[in-house]
């Protein structure tokens, strides 16, 4: 359940979002929404989100 999503990003097969209501970063499968997993918790008002990985870097 998305209570108060703020930031969102997609990387490979997952969509990641921040939820300020529960102060977490959560991910789920991008096609079916299954396998919701809390990636980080106890974050004070998470507002932004960026996926960092070598395959996403230029050059």
N, C-alpha and C. Protein backbone atom coordinates (compact mmCIF):
# COMPACT_ATOMS: atom_id res chain seq x y z
N UNK A 1 0.84 -1.18 0.00
CA UNK A 1 0.00 0.00 0.00
C UNK A 1 0.89 1.24 0.00
N UNK A 2 0.65 2.11 -0.94
CA UNK A 2 1.38 3.38 -0.99
C UNK A 2 0.63 4.41 -0.17
N UNK A 3 1.20 4.79 0.93
CA UNK A 3 0.52 5.75 1.79
C UNK A 3 0.87 7.18 1.43
N UNK A 4 2.15 7.45 1.29
CA UNK A 4 2.56 8.81 0.95
C UNK A 4 3.85 8.76 0.14
N UNK A 5 3.78 8.25 -1.11
CA UNK A 5 4.99 8.17 -1.93
C UNK A 5 5.48 9.55 -2.30
N UNK A 6 6.79 9.69 -2.39
CA UNK A 6 7.35 10.99 -2.74
C UNK A 6 8.29 10.90 -3.92
N UNK A 7 9.33 10.09 -3.82
CA UNK A 7 10.29 9.93 -4.91
C UNK A 7 10.17 8.51 -5.46
N UNK A 8 10.49 8.36 -6.75
CA UNK A 8 10.39 7.05 -7.37
C UNK A 8 11.49 6.91 -8.41
N UNK A 9 12.03 5.69 -8.54
CA UNK A 9 13.00 5.40 -9.59
C UNK A 9 12.84 3.94 -9.99
N UNK A 10 13.25 3.63 -11.21
CA UNK A 10 13.19 2.26 -11.72
C UNK A 10 14.60 1.82 -12.06
N UNK A 11 14.95 0.60 -11.65
CA UNK A 11 16.24 0.02 -12.00
C UNK A 11 16.04 -1.47 -12.22
N UNK A 12 16.43 -1.92 -13.40
CA UNK A 12 16.27 -3.31 -13.81
C UNK A 12 14.82 -3.74 -13.61
N UNK A 13 14.55 -4.77 -12.84
CA UNK A 13 13.18 -5.30 -12.72
C UNK A 13 12.39 -4.73 -11.55
N UNK A 14 12.91 -3.69 -10.92
CA UNK A 14 12.25 -3.20 -9.71
C UNK A 14 11.96 -1.70 -9.79
N UNK A 15 10.89 -1.31 -9.12
CA UNK A 15 10.58 0.09 -8.90
C UNK A 15 10.84 0.36 -7.42
N UNK A 16 11.50 1.48 -7.15
CA UNK A 16 11.86 1.88 -5.79
C UNK A 16 11.15 3.19 -5.49
N UNK A 17 10.67 3.36 -4.26
CA UNK A 17 10.04 4.61 -3.88
C UNK A 17 10.28 4.91 -2.42
N UNK A 18 10.18 6.19 -2.11
CA UNK A 18 10.24 6.61 -0.71
C UNK A 18 8.82 6.84 -0.23
N UNK A 19 8.59 6.56 1.02
CA UNK A 19 7.29 6.78 1.63
C UNK A 19 7.51 7.58 2.91
N UNK A 20 7.08 8.83 2.90
CA UNK A 20 7.29 9.70 4.06
C UNK A 20 6.39 9.34 5.23
N UNK A 21 5.31 8.64 4.99
CA UNK A 21 4.41 8.26 6.07
C UNK A 21 5.06 7.22 6.99
N UNK A 22 5.77 6.28 6.40
CA UNK A 22 6.42 5.23 7.20
C UNK A 22 7.94 5.40 7.24
N UNK A 23 8.47 6.46 6.60
CA UNK A 23 9.90 6.78 6.61
C UNK A 23 10.76 5.62 6.10
N UNK A 24 10.42 5.14 4.91
CA UNK A 24 11.12 3.99 4.35
C UNK A 24 11.39 4.16 2.86
N UNK A 25 12.35 3.36 2.39
CA UNK A 25 12.55 3.14 0.95
C UNK A 25 12.11 1.71 0.69
N UNK A 26 11.20 1.55 -0.25
CA UNK A 26 10.59 0.26 -0.53
C UNK A 26 10.78 -0.07 -2.00
N UNK A 27 10.85 -1.36 -2.32
CA UNK A 27 10.92 -1.76 -3.72
C UNK A 27 9.91 -2.86 -3.98
N UNK A 28 9.51 -2.97 -5.25
CA UNK A 28 8.61 -4.03 -5.69
C UNK A 28 8.90 -4.32 -7.15
N UNK A 29 8.49 -5.49 -7.60
CA UNK A 29 8.68 -5.84 -9.00
C UNK A 29 7.91 -4.86 -9.87
N UNK A 30 8.54 -4.36 -10.93
CA UNK A 30 7.93 -3.28 -11.71
C UNK A 30 6.74 -3.72 -12.55
N UNK A 31 6.61 -4.99 -12.87
CA UNK A 31 5.50 -5.44 -13.72
C UNK A 31 4.29 -5.90 -12.94
N UNK A 32 4.50 -6.49 -11.77
CA UNK A 32 3.35 -7.05 -11.05
C UNK A 32 3.19 -6.53 -9.62
N UNK A 33 4.13 -5.73 -9.14
CA UNK A 33 4.03 -5.15 -7.80
C UNK A 33 4.31 -6.12 -6.67
N UNK A 34 4.67 -7.35 -7.00
CA UNK A 34 4.93 -8.35 -5.97
C UNK A 34 6.33 -8.19 -5.39
N UNK A 35 6.59 -8.97 -4.36
CA UNK A 35 7.89 -8.98 -3.68
C UNK A 35 8.26 -7.62 -3.11
N UNK A 36 7.30 -6.96 -2.49
CA UNK A 36 7.61 -5.69 -1.84
C UNK A 36 8.61 -5.94 -0.72
N UNK A 37 9.67 -5.15 -0.73
CA UNK A 37 10.75 -5.29 0.25
C UNK A 37 11.13 -3.92 0.78
N UNK A 38 11.25 -3.80 2.09
CA UNK A 38 11.75 -2.57 2.69
C UNK A 38 13.27 -2.58 2.57
N UNK A 39 13.82 -1.60 1.86
CA UNK A 39 15.26 -1.53 1.64
C UNK A 39 15.95 -0.74 2.75
N UNK A 40 15.33 0.34 3.19
CA UNK A 40 15.83 1.18 4.29
C UNK A 40 14.65 1.62 5.13
N UNK A 41 14.87 1.79 6.42
CA UNK A 41 13.79 2.25 7.29
C UNK A 41 14.34 3.22 8.33
N UNK A 42 13.45 3.85 9.06
CA UNK A 42 13.80 4.87 10.05
C UNK A 42 14.52 6.06 9.44
N UNK A 43 14.13 6.44 8.24
CA UNK A 43 14.71 7.61 7.59
C UNK A 43 13.84 8.82 7.93
N UNK A 44 14.44 9.91 8.37
CA UNK A 44 13.64 11.10 8.69
C UNK A 44 13.17 11.79 7.41
N UNK A 45 11.91 11.65 7.08
CA UNK A 45 11.27 12.28 5.93
C UNK A 45 12.06 12.08 4.63
N UNK A 46 12.14 10.85 4.13
CA UNK A 46 12.86 10.64 2.86
C UNK A 46 12.18 11.38 1.72
N UNK A 47 12.94 12.19 1.01
CA UNK A 47 12.37 13.05 -0.03
C UNK A 47 12.87 12.72 -1.43
N UNK A 48 14.10 12.26 -1.56
CA UNK A 48 14.67 12.00 -2.88
C UNK A 48 15.19 10.58 -2.97
N UNK A 49 15.40 10.13 -4.21
CA UNK A 49 15.87 8.77 -4.42
C UNK A 49 16.58 8.70 -5.76
N UNK A 50 17.79 8.12 -5.75
CA UNK A 50 18.56 7.94 -6.97
C UNK A 50 19.16 6.54 -6.94
N UNK A 51 19.01 5.80 -8.02
CA UNK A 51 19.64 4.48 -8.12
C UNK A 51 21.04 4.64 -8.67
N UNK A 52 22.02 4.20 -7.92
CA UNK A 52 23.43 4.28 -8.34
C UNK A 52 23.94 2.87 -8.61
N UNK A 53 24.48 2.66 -9.81
CA UNK A 53 25.03 1.37 -10.19
C UNK A 53 25.96 1.61 -11.37
N UNK A 54 27.05 0.86 -11.49
CA UNK A 54 27.99 1.07 -12.60
C UNK A 54 27.34 1.04 -13.98
N UNK A 55 26.32 0.21 -14.18
CA UNK A 55 25.70 0.14 -15.51
C UNK A 55 24.89 1.40 -15.84
N UNK A 56 24.59 2.22 -14.85
CA UNK A 56 23.84 3.46 -15.08
C UNK A 56 24.74 4.66 -15.28
N UNK A 57 26.05 4.46 -15.19
CA UNK A 57 26.99 5.57 -15.30
C UNK A 57 27.45 5.73 -16.75
N UNK A 58 27.64 6.95 -17.21
CA UNK A 58 28.10 7.17 -18.58
C UNK A 58 29.55 6.71 -18.77
N UNK A 59 29.83 6.26 -19.97
CA UNK A 59 31.20 5.91 -20.37
C UNK A 59 31.70 4.74 -19.67
